Amino acid sequence: MPNHTILKASSPNESELTNVLLVTKEYDGGDSSLVKSYSRVNVSYAINGSGISPLTIKYKTAGGNFKNLISVPSSYYSTQVGLEAKFKRTNGIFQTAEFDFPSQTRGKSLTLKLILSSIGSEGSTFTKFKLSDITFTFRLIKRK
């Protein structure tokens, strides 16, 4: 695995980067004592250009390892390349990509990881990435 630059979410600076990890905080839906069943994540973002980007997304529940999400077939701005769920370029316009969790994805909290690796991927052009919003769909499981 190549060396990655880790970005802080509060960074206002633009940088020329080719290998990046962006790891979100742990999302607990307001109550870290309750187990949730996760079904979908929507990510609003913009990337210059068109076609498949070298940006992938993974998830993990509390105490677990990062795993692959599944691109929603009807989502124009996400796609599946092998086992990896990838974002499509949006010509710099904010769009929403939809990804599903594998069935039976349960946990008290959830973390996302966005991985940019331009080595050996679908083109290395990756400019002006902007992340606007991340929304989860989940339901509470009645157990503590």
Protein backbone atom coordinates (compact mmCIF):
# COMPACT_ATOMS: atom_id res chain seq x y z
CA MET A 1 0.00 0.00 0.00
CA PRO A 2 1.43 3.43 -0.89
CA ASN A 3 2.17 6.06 1.73
CA HIS A 4 -0.84 8.30 2.25
CA THR A 5 -1.23 11.86 3.47
CA ILE A 6 -3.80 12.16 6.23
CA LEU A 7 -6.05 15.21 5.91
CA LYS A 8 -7.68 17.03 8.78
CA ALA A 9 -11.31 17.92 8.16
CA SER A 10 -10.74 21.47 9.36
CA SER A 11 -7.92 22.24 6.91
CA PRO A 12 -8.76 25.33 4.79
CA ASN A 13 -5.72 24.90 2.53
CA GLU A 14 -5.61 23.41 -0.96
CA SER A 15 -2.84 20.91 -1.65
CA GLU A 16 -1.53 18.90 -4.57
CA LEU A 17 -1.79 15.33 -3.30
CA THR A 18 -1.73 11.94 -5.00
CA ASN A 19 -2.30 9.49 -2.12
CA VAL A 20 -4.67 10.55 0.64
CA LEU A 21 -6.70 9.01 3.48
CA LEU A 22 -9.63 10.91 4.90
CA VAL A 23 -11.05 9.17 7.96
CA THR A 24 -14.24 10.52 9.51
CA LYS A 25 -15.04 10.64 13.18
CA GLU A 26 -17.08 7.83 14.70
CA TYR A 27 -20.77 8.52 14.04
CA ASP A 28 -23.02 7.11 16.75
CA GLY A 29 -26.40 8.55 15.76
CA GLY A 30 -26.65 10.47 19.02
CA ASP A 31 -26.50 7.44 21.33
CA SER A 32 -23.40 5.26 21.49
CA SER A 33 -25.12 2.70 23.76
CA LEU A 34 -27.64 1.57 21.11
CA VAL A 35 -26.96 -0.90 18.31
CA LYS A 36 -27.95 0.32 14.84
CA SER A 37 -28.57 -1.51 11.60
CA TYR A 38 -26.98 0.53 8.80
CA SER A 39 -28.37 0.38 5.26
CA ARG A 40 -27.11 3.36 3.19
CA VAL A 41 -24.72 6.30 3.14
CA ASN A 42 -25.13 9.32 0.84
CA VAL A 43 -22.09 11.51 0.20
CA SER A 44 -22.44 14.98 -1.37
CA TYR A 45 -19.21 16.01 -3.07
CA ALA A 46 -17.63 17.56 -6.16
CA ILE A 47 -14.60 16.49 -8.25
CA ASN A 48 -13.41 18.14 -11.46
CA GLY A 49 -13.50 16.07 -14.65
CA SER A 50 -15.73 13.21 -15.79
CA GLY A 51 -15.66 9.42 -15.54
CA ILE A 52 -14.57 7.15 -12.70
CA SER A 53 -12.25 8.75 -10.15
CA PRO A 54 -9.47 7.06 -8.15
CA LEU A 55 -11.40 7.78 -4.91
CA THR A 56 -12.81 4.79 -3.00
CA ILE A 57 -14.91 4.57 0.17
CA LYS A 58 -14.87 2.00 2.99
CA TYR A 59 -16.53 1.70 6.40
CA LYS A 60 -16.04 0.05 9.77
CA THR A 61 -18.25 -0.41 12.79
CA ALA A 62 -16.92 0.08 16.32
CA GLY A 63 -14.07 -2.32 17.00
CA GLY A 64 -14.06 -3.72 13.46
CA ASN A 65 -11.86 -3.49 10.37
CA PHE A 66 -12.53 -1.37 7.29
CA LYS A 67 -14.69 -3.13 4.69
CA ASN A 68 -16.03 -2.34 1.23
CA LEU A 69 -19.32 -0.57 0.67
CA ILE A 70 -21.54 -1.41 -2.33
CA SER A 71 -22.37 1.12 -5.04
CA VAL A 72 -26.12 1.62 -5.49
CA PRO A 73 -26.84 0.59 -9.12
CA SER A 74 -29.30 3.47 -9.66
CA SER A 75 -26.82 6.06 -8.32
CA TYR A 76 -25.22 7.85 -11.27
CA TYR A 77 -22.31 9.18 -9.19
CA SER A 78 -21.11 5.93 -7.61
CA THR A 79 -19.82 2.82 -9.29
CA GLN A 80 -18.42 -0.60 -8.42
CA VAL A 81 -14.95 -1.53 -9.71
CA GLY A 82 -14.27 -5.09 -8.62
CA LEU A 83 -14.92 -5.15 -4.88
CA GLU A 84 -14.31 -1.41 -4.43
CA ALA A 85 -17.01 1.25 -4.38
CA LYS A 86 -15.77 4.37 -6.19
CA PHE A 87 -16.91 7.92 -6.76
CA LYS A 88 -17.42 9.31 -10.25
CA ARG A 89 -16.11 12.72 -11.24
CA THR A 90 -18.80 15.42 -11.30
CA ASN A 91 -17.33 18.17 -13.53
CA GLY A 92 -16.93 20.26 -10.37
CA ILE A 93 -20.67 20.32 -9.59
CA PHE A 94 -21.89 19.08 -6.22
CA GLN A 95 -23.65 15.71 -6.60
CA THR A 96 -24.66 12.88 -4.29
CA ALA A 97 -23.25 9.35 -4.52
CA GLU A 98 -25.16 6.53 -2.84
CA PHE A 99 -23.56 3.47 -1.29
CA ASP A 100 -25.18 0.52 0.48
CA PHE A 101 -23.83 -1.38 3.44
CA PRO A 102 -23.74 -5.16 3.14
CA SER A 103 -26.81 -6.73 4.75
CA GLN A 104 -26.63 -7.25 8.51
CA THR A 105 -24.21 -4.34 9.05
CA ARG A 106 -24.76 -3.57 12.71
CA GLY A 107 -22.86 -1.62 15.31
CA LYS A 108 -23.01 1.10 17.93
CA SER A 109 -21.01 3.52 15.78
CA LEU A 110 -19.59 3.84 12.29
CA THR A 111 -16.49 5.36 10.67
CA LEU A 112 -15.90 6.06 6.96
CA LYS A 113 -12.59 6.13 5.12
CA LEU A 114 -12.10 7.83 1.75
CA ILE A 115 -8.97 6.63 -0.05
CA LEU A 116 -7.32 8.43 -2.94
CA SER A 117 -4.66 6.36 -4.63
CA SER A 118 -3.79 7.50 -8.12
CA ILE A 119 -1.36 4.61 -8.61
CA GLY A 120 -2.84 1.95 -10.87
CA SER A 121 -6.31 3.42 -10.84
CA GLU A 122 -8.78 4.80 -13.35
CA GLY A 123 -6.76 7.81 -14.38
CA SER A 124 -4.69 9.89 -12.04
CA THR A 125 -6.35 13.26 -12.68
CA PHE A 126 -7.99 14.28 -9.45
CA THR A 127 -8.54 17.97 -8.85
CA LYS A 128 -10.72 20.22 -6.74
CA PHE A 129 -12.29 17.58 -4.49
CA LYS A 130 -14.88 19.12 -2.17
CA LEU A 131 -16.84 17.23 0.47
CA SER A 132 -20.15 18.77 1.48
CA ASP A 133 -22.24 16.28 3.44
CA ILE A 134 -22.43 12.67 4.66
CA THR A 135 -25.83 11.20 5.57
CA PHE A 136 -26.50 7.73 6.99
CA THR A 137 -29.67 5.66 6.87
CA PHE A 138 -30.02 3.36 9.86
CA ARG A 139 -32.56 1.97 12.28
CA LEU A 140 -32.19 1.27 15.97
CA ILE A 141 -32.01 -2.31 17.20
CA LYS A 142 -33.67 -2.69 20.62
CA ARG A 143 -30.77 -3.96 22.65
CA LYS A 144 -27.98 -2.41 24.66
